[in-house]
Amino acid sequence: MSSTNYGAHRLVVGAHYGFRDWLAQRVTAVVLAVYTLVLLGYFIWPGPLNYARWQALYAAQWMKLLSFVAVIALTYHVWVGVRDIWMDYIKSVSLRLSLQVLTIVWLVACAGWGVQVLWRT
């Protein structure tokens, strides 16, 4: 009998982010594509692209909600991508952790600013 190292007896190592992050990237990409299509439709729709029309679009609660979902989706999409870059290419654990923390702080600040812009009175 030969010894095999696959199937149920396989040694699995790593953080196990694989499928969850792959799926998150696809779902957030779909959300961002829908948001982009809505904006493109707005650009194509006849009428002047002036401040009053933009203000009317973003005054609608559905657009604020869609924009909020897009900001959150973009934030998570970027986090998964940049985190993978740091994990793949930065070998120093302390530097990688520092870059990940700075990335999180930056992304939370950007998402917070986006929410502030959407619901500012």
PDB file of N, CA and C in Angstrom:
ATOM      1  N   MET A   1       0.831  -1.182   0.000  1.00  0.00           N
ATOM      2  CA  MET A   1       0.000   0.000   0.000  1.00  0.00           C
ATOM      3  C   MET A   1       0.878   1.249   0.000  1.00  0.00           C
ATOM      4  N   SER A   2       0.539   2.199  -0.848  1.00  0.00           N
ATOM      5  CA  SER A   2       1.347   3.419  -0.905  1.00  0.00           C
ATOM      6  C   SER A   2       0.706   4.511  -0.055  1.00  0.00           C
ATOM      7  N   SER A   3       1.545   5.370   0.451  1.00  0.00           N
ATOM      8  CA  SER A   3       1.086   6.493   1.271  1.00  0.00           C
ATOM      9  C   SER A   3       0.729   7.669   0.361  1.00  0.00           C
ATOM     10  N   THR A   4      -0.468   8.210   0.516  1.00  0.00           N
ATOM     11  CA  THR A   4      -0.887   9.357  -0.285  1.00  0.00           C
ATOM     12  C   THR A   4      -1.156  10.534   0.628  1.00  0.00           C
ATOM     13  N   ASN A   5      -0.994  11.712   0.083  1.00  0.00           N
ATOM     14  CA  ASN A   5      -1.185  12.937   0.862  1.00  0.00           C
ATOM     15  C   ASN A   5      -2.218  13.830   0.181  1.00  0.00           C
ATOM     16  N   TYR A   6      -3.376  13.271  -0.139  1.00  0.00           N
ATOM     17  CA  TYR A   6      -4.431  14.058  -0.760  1.00  0.00           C
ATOM     18  C   TYR A   6      -5.767  13.561  -0.232  1.00  0.00           C
ATOM     19  N   GLY A   7      -6.814  14.267  -0.616  1.00  0.00           N
ATOM     20  CA  GLY A   7      -8.143  13.893  -0.135  1.00  0.00           C
ATOM     21  C   GLY A   7      -8.340  14.299   1.310  1.00  0.00           C
ATOM     22  N   ALA A   8      -8.995  13.455   2.082  1.00  0.00           N
ATOM     23  CA  ALA A   8      -9.332  13.766   3.469  1.00  0.00           C
ATOM     24  C   ALA A   8      -8.097  13.879   4.347  1.00  0.00           C
ATOM     25  N   HIS A   9      -6.989  13.299   3.931  1.00  0.00           N
ATOM     26  CA  HIS A   9      -5.779  13.300   4.739  1.00  0.00           C
ATOM     27  C   HIS A   9      -4.807  14.405   4.339  1.00  0.00           C
ATOM     28  N   ARG A  10      -5.237  15.260   3.464  1.00  0.00           N
ATOM     29  CA  ARG A  10      -4.367  16.323   2.964  1.00  0.00           C
ATOM     30  C   ARG A  10      -4.089  17.343   4.059  1.00  0.00           C
ATOM     31  N   LEU A  11      -2.873  17.821   4.153  1.00  0.00           N
ATOM     32  CA  LEU A  11      -2.501  18.856   5.098  1.00  0.00           C
ATOM     33  C   LEU A  11      -2.837  20.212   4.491  1.00  0.00           C
ATOM     34  N   VAL A  12      -3.729  20.941   5.142  1.00  0.00           N
ATOM     35  CA  VAL A  12      -4.155  22.237   4.640  1.00  0.00           C
ATOM     36  C   VAL A  12      -3.584  23.309   5.551  1.00  0.00           C
ATOM     37  N   VAL A  13      -2.918  24.281   4.942  1.00  0.00           N
ATOM     38  CA  VAL A  13      -2.347  25.383   5.716  1.00  0.00           C
ATOM     39  C   VAL A  13      -2.805  26.701   5.119  1.00  0.00           C
ATOM     40  N   GLY A  14      -2.596  27.774   5.819  1.00  0.00           N
ATOM     41  CA  GLY A  14      -2.952  29.098   5.318  1.00  0.00           C
ATOM     42  C   GLY A  14      -4.148  29.660   6.045  1.00  0.00           C
ATOM     43  N   ALA A  15      -4.572  30.812   5.606  1.00  0.00           N
ATOM     44  CA  ALA A  15      -5.640  31.535   6.289  1.00  0.00           C
ATOM     45  C   ALA A  15      -7.033  31.128   5.814  1.00  0.00           C
ATOM     46  N   HIS A  16      -7.147  30.352   4.739  1.00  0.00           N
ATOM     47  CA  HIS A  16      -8.424  29.858   4.219  1.00  0.00           C
ATOM     48  C   HIS A  16      -9.339  30.986   3.756  1.00  0.00           C
ATOM     49  N   TYR A  17      -8.794  32.035   3.170  1.00  0.00           N
ATOM     50  CA  TYR A  17      -9.603  33.136   2.673  1.00  0.00           C
ATOM     51  C   TYR A  17     -10.188  32.831   1.299  1.00  0.00           C
ATOM     52  N   GLY A  18      -9.582  31.956   0.564  1.00  0.00           N
ATOM     53  CA  GLY A  18      -9.856  31.660  -0.828  1.00  0.00           C
ATOM     54  C   GLY A  18     -11.247  31.910  -1.368  1.00  0.00           C
ATOM     55  N   PHE A  19     -12.168  30.999  -1.138  1.00  0.00           N
ATOM     56  CA  PHE A  19     -13.484  31.087  -1.768  1.00  0.00           C
ATOM     57  C   PHE A  19     -14.259  32.302  -1.274  1.00  0.00           C
ATOM     58  N   ARG A  20     -14.227  32.568   0.007  1.00  0.00           N
ATOM     59  CA  ARG A  20     -14.968  33.705   0.566  1.00  0.00           C
ATOM     60  C   ARG A  20     -14.515  35.017  -0.080  1.00  0.00           C
ATOM     61  N   ASP A  21     -13.226  35.201  -0.203  1.00  0.00           N
ATOM     62  CA  ASP A  21     -12.721  36.440  -0.802  1.00  0.00           C
ATOM     63  C   ASP A  21     -12.968  36.485  -2.302  1.00  0.00           C
ATOM     64  N   TRP A  22     -12.852  35.351  -2.964  1.00  0.00           N
ATOM     65  CA  TRP A  22     -13.162  35.292  -4.388  1.00  0.00           C
ATOM     66  C   TRP A  22     -14.614  35.700  -4.609  1.00  0.00           C
ATOM     67  N   LEU A  23     -15.524  35.153  -3.802  1.00  0.00           N
ATOM     68  CA  LEU A  23     -16.942  35.479  -3.916  1.00  0.00           C
ATOM     69  C   LEU A  23     -17.206  36.949  -3.562  1.00  0.00           C
ATOM     70  N   ALA A  24     -16.549  37.449  -2.522  1.00  0.00           N
ATOM     71  CA  ALA A  24     -16.721  38.853  -2.132  1.00  0.00           C
ATOM     72  C   ALA A  24     -16.286  39.787  -3.251  1.00  0.00           C
ATOM     73  N   GLN A  25     -15.185  39.471  -3.915  1.00  0.00           N
ATOM     74  CA  GLN A  25     -14.718  40.303  -5.026  1.00  0.00           C
ATOM     75  C   GLN A  25     -15.744  40.319  -6.159  1.00  0.00           C
ATOM     76  N   ARG A  26     -16.353  39.176  -6.435  1.00  0.00           N
ATOM     77  CA  ARG A  26     -17.337  39.114  -7.522  1.00  0.00           C
ATOM     78  C   ARG A  26     -18.617  39.842  -7.157  1.00  0.00           C
ATOM     79  N   VAL A  27     -19.101  39.657  -5.930  1.00  0.00           N
ATOM     80  CA  VAL A  27     -20.342  40.313  -5.502  1.00  0.00           C
ATOM     81  C   VAL A  27     -20.158  41.825  -5.468  1.00  0.00           C
ATOM     82  N   THR A  28     -19.051  42.293  -4.904  1.00  0.00           N
ATOM     83  CA  THR A  28     -18.825  43.737  -4.850  1.00  0.00           C
ATOM     84  C   THR A  28     -18.625  44.308  -6.255  1.00  0.00           C
ATOM     85  N   ALA A  29     -18.022  43.535  -7.146  1.00  0.00           N
ATOM     86  CA  ALA A  29     -17.865  43.996  -8.532  1.00  0.00           C
ATOM     87  C   ALA A  29     -19.222  44.138  -9.212  1.00  0.00           C
ATOM     88  N   VAL A  30     -20.153  43.238  -8.937  1.00  0.00           N
ATOM     89  CA  VAL A  30     -21.498  43.341  -9.513  1.00  0.00           C
ATOM     90  C   VAL A  30     -22.204  44.580  -8.980  1.00  0.00           C
ATOM     91  N   VAL A  31     -22.092  44.836  -7.680  1.00  0.00           N
ATOM     92  CA  VAL A  31     -22.700  46.039  -7.087  1.00  0.00           C
ATOM     93  C   VAL A  31     -22.134  47.288  -7.756  1.00  0.00           C
ATOM     94  N   LEU A  32     -20.814  47.334  -7.921  1.00  0.00           N
ATOM     95  CA  LEU A  32     -20.184  48.503  -8.550  1.00  0.00           C
ATOM     96  C   LEU A  32     -20.574  48.624 -10.021  1.00  0.00           C
ATOM     97  N   ALA A  33     -20.764  47.504 -10.710  1.00  0.00           N
ATOM     98  CA  ALA A  33     -21.192  47.543 -12.111  1.00  0.00           C
ATOM     99  C   ALA A  33     -22.609  48.091 -12.218  1.00  0.00           C
ATOM    100  N   VAL A  34     -23.495  47.670 -11.321  1.00  0.00           N
ATOM    101  CA  VAL A  34     -24.869  48.195 -11.324  1.00  0.00           C
ATOM    102  C   VAL A  34     -24.855  49.696 -11.073  1.00  0.00           C
ATOM    103  N   TYR A  35     -24.070  50.138 -10.108  1.00  0.00           N
ATOM    104  CA  TYR A  35     -23.974  51.571  -9.810  1.00  0.00           C
ATOM    105  C   TYR A  35     -23.451  52.342 -11.029  1.00  0.00           C
ATOM    106  N   THR A  36     -22.454  51.779 -11.685  1.00  0.00           N
ATOM    107  CA  THR A  36     -21.895  52.410 -12.880  1.00  0.00           C
ATOM    108  C   THR A  36     -22.929  52.502 -13.999  1.00  0.00           C
ATOM    109  N   LEU A  37     -23.696  51.435 -14.181  1.00  0.00           N
ATOM    110  CA  LEU A  37     -24.743  51.447 -15.210  1.00  0.00           C
ATOM    111  C   LEU A  37     -25.819  52.497 -14.909  1.00  0.00           C
ATOM    112  N   VAL A  38     -26.179  52.658 -13.647  1.00  0.00           N
ATOM    113  CA  VAL A  38     -27.151  53.683 -13.269  1.00  0.00           C
ATOM    114  C   VAL A  38     -26.604  55.065 -13.624  1.00  0.00           C
ATOM    115  N   LEU A  39     -25.347  55.314 -13.291  1.00  0.00           N
ATOM    116  CA  LEU A  39     -24.754  56.622 -13.613  1.00  0.00           C
ATOM    117  C   LEU A  39     -24.618  56.823 -15.120  1.00  0.00           C
ATOM    118  N   LEU A  40     -24.227  55.781 -15.840  1.00  0.00           N
ATOM    119  CA  LEU A  40     -24.140  55.898 -17.304  1.00  0.00           C
ATOM    120  C   LEU A  40     -25.504  56.184 -17.915  1.00  0.00           C
ATOM    121  N   GLY A  41     -26.534  55.509 -17.404  1.00  0.00           N
ATOM    122  CA  GLY A  41     -27.897  55.780 -17.867  1.00  0.00           C
ATOM    123  C   GLY A  41     -28.293  57.218 -17.618  1.00  0.00           C
ATOM    124  N   TYR A  42     -27.866  57.753 -16.505  1.00  0.00           N
ATOM    125  CA  TYR A  42     -28.163  59.145 -16.180  1.00  0.00           C
ATOM    126  C   TYR A  42     -27.442  60.090 -17.140  1.00  0.00           C
ATOM    127  N   PHE A  43     -26.202  59.768 -17.473  1.00  0.00           N
ATOM    128  CA  PHE A  43     -25.447  60.583 -18.436  1.00  0.00           C
ATOM    129  C   PHE A  43     -26.089  60.549 -19.812  1.00  0.00           C
ATOM    130  N   ILE A  44     -26.547  59.388 -20.220  1.00  0.00           N
ATOM    131  CA  ILE A  44     -27.108  59.218 -21.556  1.00  0.00           C
ATOM    132  C   ILE A  44     -28.502  59.831 -21.669  1.00  0.00           C
ATOM    133  N   TRP A  45     -29.264  59.837 -20.570  1.00  0.00           N
ATOM    134  CA  TRP A  45     -30.625  60.381 -20.581  1.00  0.00           C
ATOM    135  C   TRP A  45     -30.594  61.824 -21.065  1.00  0.00           C
ATOM    136  N   PRO A  46     -31.522  62.195 -21.933  1.00  0.00           N
ATOM    137  CA  PRO A  46     -31.505  63.557 -22.466  1.00  0.00           C
ATOM    138  C   PRO A  46     -31.712  64.603 -21.368  1.00  0.00           C
ATOM    139  N   GLY A  47     -31.082  65.699 -21.577  1.00  0.00           N
ATOM    140  CA  GLY A  47     -31.203  66.813 -20.636  1.00  0.00           C
ATOM    141  C   GLY A  47     -29.831  67.352 -20.280  1.00  0.00           C
ATOM    142  N   PRO A  48     -29.808  68.543 -19.744  1.00  0.00           N
ATOM    143  CA  PRO A  48     -28.524  69.158 -19.404  1.00  0.00           C
ATOM    144  C   PRO A  48     -27.915  68.495 -18.168  1.00  0.00           C
ATOM    145  N   LEU A  49     -26.611  68.378 -18.166  1.00  0.00           N
ATOM    146  CA  LEU A  49     -25.909  67.884 -16.986  1.00  0.00           C
ATOM    147  C   LEU A  49     -25.425  69.090 -16.193  1.00  0.00           C
ATOM    148  N   ASN A  50     -26.325  69.644 -15.425  1.00  0.00           N
ATOM    149  CA  ASN A  50     -25.974  70.810 -14.628  1.00  0.00           C
ATOM    150  C   ASN A  50     -26.136  70.480 -13.143  1.00  0.00           C
ATOM    151  N   TYR A  51     -25.810  71.452 -12.322  1.00  0.00           N
ATOM    152  CA  TYR A  51     -25.835  71.251 -10.870  1.00  0.00           C
ATOM    153  C   TYR A  51     -27.228  70.888 -10.369  1.00  0.00           C
ATOM    154  N   ALA A  52     -28.238  71.526 -10.893  1.00  0.00           N
ATOM    155  CA  ALA A  52     -29.608  71.268 -10.433  1.00  0.00           C
ATOM    156  C   ALA A  52     -30.018  69.813 -10.700  1.00  0.00           C
ATOM    157  N   ARG A  53     -29.636  69.300 -11.847  1.00  0.00           N
ATOM    158  CA  ARG A  53     -29.995  67.921 -12.177  1.00  0.00           C
ATOM    159  C   ARG A  53     -29.236  66.920 -11.290  1.00  0.00           C
ATOM    160  N   TRP A  54     -27.947  67.189 -11.054  1.00  0.00           N
ATOM    161  CA  TRP A  54     -27.171  66.325 -10.155  1.00  0.00           C
ATOM    162  C   TRP A  54     -27.729  66.384  -8.742  1.00  0.00           C
ATOM    163  N   GLN A  55     -28.083  67.583  -8.319  1.00  0.00           N
ATOM    164  CA  GLN A  55     -28.634  67.742  -6.975  1.00  0.00           C
ATOM    165  C   GLN A  55     -29.948  66.972  -6.851  1.00  0.00           C
ATOM    166  N   ALA A  56     -30.766  67.004  -7.866  1.00  0.00           N
ATOM    167  CA  ALA A  56     -32.031  66.274  -7.847  1.00  0.00           C
ATOM    168  C   ALA A  56     -31.791  64.762  -7.800  1.00  0.00           C
ATOM    169  N   LEU A  57     -30.800  64.289  -8.538  1.00  0.00           N
ATOM    170  CA  LEU A  57     -30.500  62.856  -8.524  1.00  0.00           C
ATOM    171  C   LEU A  57     -30.078  62.399  -7.130  1.00  0.00           C
ATOM    172  N   TYR A  58     -29.161  63.125  -6.523  1.00  0.00           N
ATOM    173  CA  TYR A  58     -28.644  62.709  -5.222  1.00  0.00           C
ATOM    174  C   TYR A  58     -29.530  63.134  -4.058  1.00  0.00           C
ATOM    175  N   ALA A  59     -30.582  63.885  -4.329  1.00  0.00           N
ATOM    176  CA  ALA A  59     -31.566  64.193  -3.291  1.00  0.00           C
ATOM    177  C   ALA A  59     -32.505  63.014  -3.069  1.00  0.00           C
ATOM    178  N   ALA A  60     -32.642  62.179  -4.080  1.00  0.00           N
ATOM    179  CA  ALA A  60     -33.516  61.005  -3.971  1.00  0.00           C
ATOM    180  C   ALA A  60     -32.910  59.999  -2.990  1.00  0.00           C
ATOM    181  N   GLN A  61     -33.743  59.493  -2.091  1.00  0.00           N
ATOM    182  CA  GLN A  61     -33.268  58.556  -1.073  1.00  0.00           C
ATOM    183  C   GLN A  61     -32.722  57.265  -1.685  1.00  0.00           C
ATOM    184  N   TRP A  62     -33.332  56.788  -2.786  1.00  0.00           N
ATOM    185  CA  TRP A  62     -32.854  55.556  -3.404  1.00  0.00           C
ATOM    186  C   TRP A  62     -31.430  55.712  -3.937  1.00  0.00           C
ATOM    187  N   MET A  63     -31.098  56.920  -4.437  1.00  0.00           N
ATOM    188  CA  MET A  63     -29.756  57.146  -4.962  1.00  0.00           C
ATOM    189  C   MET A  63     -28.747  57.251  -3.827  1.00  0.00           C
ATOM    190  N   LYS A  64     -29.152  57.865  -2.729  1.00  0.00           N
ATOM    191  CA  LYS A  64     -28.255  57.907  -1.568  1.00  0.00           C
ATOM    192  C   LYS A  64     -27.972  56.505  -1.067  1.00  0.00           C
ATOM    193  N   LEU A  65     -29.012  55.686  -1.010  1.00  0.00           N
ATOM    194  CA  LEU A  65     -28.834  54.312  -0.543  1.00  0.00           C
ATOM    195  C   LEU A  65     -27.960  53.514  -1.511  1.00  0.00           C
ATOM    196  N   LEU A  66     -28.217  53.646  -2.805  1.00  0.00           N
ATOM    197  CA  LEU A  66     -27.398  52.954  -3.802  1.00  0.00           C
ATOM    198  C   LEU A  66     -25.944  53.428  -3.729  1.00  0.00           C
ATOM    199  N   SER A  67     -25.742  54.710  -3.556  1.00  0.00           N
ATOM    200  CA  SER A  67     -24.380  55.247  -3.443  1.00  0.00           C
ATOM    201  C   SER A  67     -23.698  54.745  -2.176  1.00  0.00           C
ATOM    202  N   PHE A  68     -24.438  54.665  -1.077  1.00  0.00           N
ATOM    203  CA  PHE A  68     -23.898  54.144   0.173  1.00  0.00           C
ATOM    204  C   PHE A  68     -23.466  52.684  -0.001  1.00  0.00           C
ATOM    205  N   VAL A  69     -24.316  51.888  -0.619  1.00  0.00           N
ATOM    206  CA  VAL A  69     -23.974  50.479  -0.872  1.00  0.00           C
ATOM    207  C   VAL A  69     -22.746  50.396  -1.775  1.00  0.00           C
ATOM    208  N   ALA A  70     -22.657  51.266  -2.756  1.00  0.00           N
ATOM    209  CA  ALA A  70     -21.498  51.277  -3.659  1.00  0.00           C
ATOM    210  C   ALA A  70     -20.222  51.667  -2.905  1.00  0.00           C
ATOM    211  N   VAL A  71     -20.312  52.623  -1.996  1.00  0.00           N
ATOM    212  CA  VAL A  71     -19.136  53.028  -1.209  1.00  0.00           C
ATOM    213  C   VAL A  71     -18.663  51.867  -0.338  1.00  0.00           C
ATOM    214  N   ILE A  72     -19.598  51.192   0.319  1.00  0.00           N
ATOM    215  CA  ILE A  72     -19.232  50.046   1.162  1.00  0.00           C
ATOM    216  C   ILE A  72     -18.661  48.916   0.301  1.00  0.00           C
ATOM    217  N   ALA A  73     -19.279  48.654  -0.840  1.00  0.00           N
ATOM    218  CA  ALA A  73     -18.779  47.603  -1.735  1.00  0.00           C
ATOM    219  C   ALA A  73     -17.380  47.938  -2.242  1.00  0.00           C
ATOM    220  N   LEU A  74     -17.168  49.192  -2.615  1.00  0.00           N
ATOM    221  CA  LEU A  74     -15.844  49.608  -3.092  1.00  0.00           C
ATOM    222  C   LEU A  74     -14.806  49.467  -1.987  1.00  0.00           C
ATOM    223  N   THR A  75     -15.165  49.863  -0.786  1.00  0.00           N
ATOM    224  CA  THR A  75     -14.242  49.763   0.347  1.00  0.00           C
ATOM    225  C   THR A  75     -13.837  48.311   0.588  1.00  0.00           C
ATOM    226  N   TYR A  76     -14.815  47.414   0.604  1.00  0.00           N
ATOM    227  CA  TYR A  76     -14.489  46.005   0.853  1.00  0.00           C
ATOM    228  C   TYR A  76     -13.732  45.398  -0.322  1.00  0.00           C
ATOM    229  N   HIS A  77     -14.104  45.763  -1.529  1.00  0.00           N
ATOM    230  CA  HIS A  77     -13.429  45.275  -2.737  1.00  0.00           C
ATOM    231  C   HIS A  77     -11.945  45.667  -2.702  1.00  0.00           C
ATOM    232  N   VAL A  78     -11.692  46.915  -2.375  1.00  0.00           N
ATOM    233  CA  VAL A  78     -10.306  47.392  -2.300  1.00  0.00           C
ATOM    234  C   VAL A  78      -9.564  46.688  -1.168  1.00  0.00           C
ATOM    235  N   TRP A  79     -10.221  46.514  -0.011  1.00  0.00           N
ATOM    236  CA  TRP A  79      -9.565  45.868   1.119  1.00  0.00           C
ATOM    237  C   TRP A  79      -9.107  44.452   0.752  1.00  0.00           C
ATOM    238  N   VAL A  80      -9.955  43.673   0.138  1.00  0.00           N
ATOM    239  CA  VAL A  80      -9.592  42.300  -0.217  1.00  0.00           C
ATOM    240  C   VAL A  80      -8.418  42.304  -1.201  1.00  0.00           C
ATOM    241  N   GLY A  81      -8.469  43.159  -2.180  1.00  0.00           N
ATOM    242  CA  GLY A  81      -7.396  43.212  -3.169  1.00  0.00           C
ATOM    243  C   GLY A  81      -6.075  43.673  -2.596  1.00  0.00           C
ATOM    244  N   VAL A  82      -6.094  44.756  -1.839  1.00  0.00           N
ATOM    245  CA  VAL A  82      -4.844  45.299  -1.291  1.00  0.00           C
ATOM    246  C   VAL A  82      -4.287  44.367  -0.221  1.00  0.00           C
ATOM    247  N   ARG A  83      -5.160  43.795   0.602  1.00  0.00           N
ATOM    248  CA  ARG A  83      -4.691  42.848   1.619  1.00  0.00           C
ATOM    249  C   ARG A  83      -3.975  41.671   0.967  1.00  0.00           C
ATOM    250  N   ASP A  84      -4.524  41.176  -0.130  1.00  0.00           N
ATOM    251  CA  ASP A  84      -3.871  40.067  -0.831  1.00  0.00           C
ATOM    252  C   ASP A  84      -2.513  40.479  -1.391  1.00  0.00           C
ATOM    253  N   ILE A  85      -2.418  41.703  -1.875  1.00  0.00           N
ATOM    254  CA  ILE A  85      -1.122  42.201  -2.362  1.00  0.00           C
ATOM    255  C   ILE A  85      -0.117  42.244  -1.217  1.00  0.00           C
ATOM    256  N   TRP A  86      -0.530  42.793  -0.063  1.00  0.00           N
ATOM    257  CA  TRP A  86       0.392  42.858   1.085  1.00  0.00           C
ATOM    258  C   TRP A  86       0.803  41.440   1.507  1.00  0.00           C
ATOM    259  N   MET A  87      -0.153  40.510   1.544  1.00  0.00           N
ATOM    260  CA  MET A  87       0.164  39.144   1.983  1.00  0.00           C
ATOM    261  C   MET A  87       1.070  38.429   0.991  1.00  0.00           C
ATOM    262  N   ASP A  88       0.913  38.695  -0.294  1.00  0.00           N
ATOM    263  CA  ASP A  88       1.701  38.000  -1.305  1.00  0.00           C
ATOM    264  C   ASP A  88       3.113  38.557  -1.468  1.00  0.00           C
ATOM    265  N   TYR A  89       3.276  39.867  -1.318  1.00  0.00           N
ATOM    266  CA  TYR A  89       4.548  40.479  -1.699  1.00  0.00           C
ATOM    267  C   TYR A  89       5.356  41.076  -0.559  1.00  0.00           C
ATOM    268  N   ILE A  90       4.772  41.276   0.605  1.00  0.00           N
ATOM    269  CA  ILE A  90       5.524  41.838   1.733  1.00  0.00           C
ATOM    270  C   ILE A  90       5.852  40.698   2.686  1.00  0.00           C
ATOM    271  N   LYS A  91       7.105  40.323   2.755  1.00  0.00           N
ATOM    272  CA  LYS A  91       7.509  39.159   3.549  1.00  0.00           C
ATOM    273  C   LYS A  91       7.720  39.515   5.019  1.00  0.00           C
ATOM    274  N   SER A  92       8.109  40.727   5.324  1.00  0.00           N
ATOM    275  CA  SER A  92       8.309  41.140   6.713  1.00  0.00           C
ATOM    276  C   SER A  92       6.949  41.246   7.407  1.00  0.00           C
ATOM    277  N   VAL A  93       6.756  40.470   8.480  1.00  0.00           N
ATOM    278  CA  VAL A  93       5.466  40.439   9.167  1.00  0.00           C
ATOM    279  C   VAL A  93       5.125  41.799   9.760  1.00  0.00           C
ATOM    280  N   SER A  94       6.088  42.458  10.365  1.00  0.00           N
ATOM    281  CA  SER A  94       5.800  43.756  10.994  1.00  0.00           C
ATOM    282  C   SER A  94       5.457  44.818   9.944  1.00  0.00           C
ATOM    283  N   LEU A  95       6.162  44.824   8.820  1.00  0.00           N
ATOM    284  CA  LEU A  95       5.850  45.779   7.753  1.00  0.00           C
ATOM    285  C   LEU A  95       4.491  45.465   7.140  1.00  0.00           C
ATOM    286  N   ARG A  96       4.209  44.175   6.901  1.00  0.00           N
ATOM    287  CA  ARG A  96       2.927  43.781   6.339  1.00  0.00           C
ATOM    288  C   ARG A  96       1.773  44.175   7.260  1.00  0.00           C
ATOM    289  N   LEU A  97       1.906  43.928   8.562  1.00  0.00           N
ATOM    290  CA  LEU A  97       0.873  44.296   9.516  1.00  0.00           C
ATOM    291  C   LEU A  97       0.683  45.812   9.554  1.00  0.00           C
ATOM    292  N   SER A  98       1.775  46.546   9.523  1.00  0.00           N
ATOM    293  CA  SER A  98       1.689  48.012   9.513  1.00  0.00           C
ATOM    294  C   SER A  98       0.957  48.517   8.272  1.00  0.00           C
ATOM    295  N   LEU A  99       1.288  47.958   7.121  1.00  0.00           N
ATOM    296  CA  LEU A  99       0.625  48.363   5.880  1.00  0.00           C
ATOM    297  C   LEU A  99      -0.857  47.991   5.900  1.00  0.00           C
ATOM    298  N   GLN A 100      -1.188  46.846   6.468  1.00  0.00           N
ATOM    299  CA  GLN A 100      -2.589  46.450   6.561  1.00  0.00           C
ATOM    300  C   GLN A 100      -3.366  47.387   7.481  1.00  0.00           C
ATOM    301  N   VAL A 101      -2.775  47.752   8.606  1.00  0.00           N
ATOM    302  CA  VAL A 101      -3.444  48.681   9.528  1.00  0.00           C
ATOM    303  C   VAL A 101      -3.620  50.042   8.861  1.00  0.00           C
ATOM    304  N   LEU A 102      -2.594  50.537   8.196  1.00  0.00           N
ATOM    305  CA  LEU A 102      -2.705  51.825   7.502  1.00  0.00           C
ATOM    306  C   LEU A 102      -3.769  51.757   6.396  1.00  0.00           C
ATOM    307  N   THR A 103      -3.844  50.639   5.709  1.00  0.00           N
ATOM    308  CA  THR A 103      -4.857  50.465   4.661  1.00  0.00           C
ATOM    309  C   THR A 103      -6.252  50.505   5.268  1.00  0.00           C
ATOM    310  N   ILE A 104      -6.453  49.808   6.385  1.00  0.00           N
ATOM    311  CA  ILE A 104      -7.759  49.809   7.050  1.00  0.00           C
ATOM    312  C   ILE A 104      -8.139  51.211   7.492  1.00  0.00           C
ATOM    313  N   VAL A 105      -7.212  51.915   8.121  1.00  0.00           N
ATOM    314  CA  VAL A 105      -7.492  53.285   8.586  1.00  0.00           C
ATOM    315  C   VAL A 105      -7.856  54.177   7.411  1.00  0.00           C
ATOM    316  N   TRP A 106      -7.094  54.084   6.327  1.00  0.00           N
ATOM    317  CA  TRP A 106      -7.354  54.899   5.142  1.00  0.00           C
ATOM    318  C   TRP A 106      -8.723  54.578   4.533  1.00  0.00           C
ATOM    319  N   LEU A 107      -9.037  53.297   4.405  1.00  0.00           N
ATOM    320  CA  LEU A 107     -10.313  52.906   3.797  1.00  0.00           C
ATOM    321  C   LEU A 107     -11.506  53.301   4.664  1.00  0.00           C
ATOM    322  N   VAL A 108     -11.385  53.163   5.970  1.00  0.00           N
ATOM    323  CA  VAL A 108     -12.476  53.578   6.871  1.00  0.00           C
ATOM    324  C   VAL A 108     -12.667  55.087   6.791  1.00  0.00           C
ATOM    325  N   ALA A 109     -11.557  55.828   6.730  1.00  0.00           N
ATOM    326  CA  ALA A 109     -11.654  57.291   6.609  1.00  0.00           C
ATOM    327  C   ALA A 109     -12.325  57.674   5.283  1.00  0.00           C
ATOM    328  N   CYS A 110     -11.953  57.014   4.208  1.00  0.00           N
ATOM    329  CA  CYS A 110     -12.563  57.317   2.905  1.00  0.00           C
ATOM    330  C   CYS A 110     -14.043  56.964   2.886  1.00  0.00           C
ATOM    331  N   ALA A 111     -14.407  55.820   3.453  1.00  0.00           N
ATOM    332  CA  ALA A 111     -15.813  55.416   3.502  1.00  0.00           C
ATOM    333  C   ALA A 111     -16.608  56.388   4.377  1.00  0.00           C
ATOM    334  N   GLY A 112     -16.041  56.797   5.492  1.00  0.00           N
ATOM    335  CA  GLY A 112     -16.702  57.773   6.358  1.00  0.00           C
ATOM    336  C   GLY A 112     -16.913  59.103   5.654  1.00  0.00           C
ATOM    337  N   TRP A 113     -15.907  59.538   4.911  1.00  0.00           N
ATOM    338  CA  TRP A 113     -16.038  60.775   4.158  1.00  0.00           C
ATOM    339  C   TRP A 113     -17.132  60.644   3.100  1.00  0.00           C
ATOM    340  N   GLY A 114     -17.180  59.482   2.439  1.00  0.00           N
ATOM    341  CA  GLY A 114     -18.216  59.256   1.426  1.00  0.00           C
ATOM    342  C   GLY A 114     -19.615  59.314   2.022  1.00  0.00           C
ATOM    343  N   VAL A 115     -19.794  58.718   3.190  1.00  0.00           N
ATOM    344  CA  VAL A 115     -21.091  58.753   3.868  1.00  0.00           C
ATOM    345  C   VAL A 115     -21.429  60.188   4.276  1.00  0.00           C
ATOM    346  N   GLN A 116     -20.443  60.917   4.751  1.00  0.00           N
ATOM    347  CA  GLN A 116     -20.654  62.320   5.137  1.00  0.00           C
ATOM    348  C   GLN A 116     -21.110  63.142   3.932  1.00  0.00           C
ATOM    349  N   VAL A 117     -20.483  62.927   2.796  1.00  0.00           N
ATOM    350  CA  VAL A 117     -20.859  63.660   1.588  1.00  0.00           C
ATOM    351  C   VAL A 117     -22.297  63.335   1.189  1.00  0.00           C
ATOM    352  N   LEU A 118     -22.674  62.068   1.303  1.00  0.00           N
ATOM    353  CA  LEU A 118     -24.021  61.659   0.897  1.00  0.00           C
ATOM    354  C   LEU A 118     -25.115  62.251   1.780  1.00  0.00           C
ATOM    355  N   TRP A 119     -24.880  62.317   3.090  1.00  0.00           N
ATOM    356  CA  TRP A 119     -25.942  62.750   3.993  1.00  0.00           C
ATOM    357  C   TRP A 119     -25.691  64.108   4.637  1.00  0.00           C
ATOM    358  N   ARG A 120     -24.815  64.888   4.050  1.00  0.00           N
ATOM    359  CA  ARG A 120     -24.587  66.245   4.541  1.00  0.00           C
ATOM    360  C   ARG A 120     -25.808  67.104   4.209  1.00  0.00           C
ATOM    361  N   THR A 121     -26.161  67.952   5.103  1.00  0.00           N
ATOM    362  CA  THR A 121     -27.320  68.823   4.846  1.00  0.00           C
ATOM    363  C   THR A 121     -26.898  70.178   4.345  1.00  0.00           C
TER     364      THR A 121
END
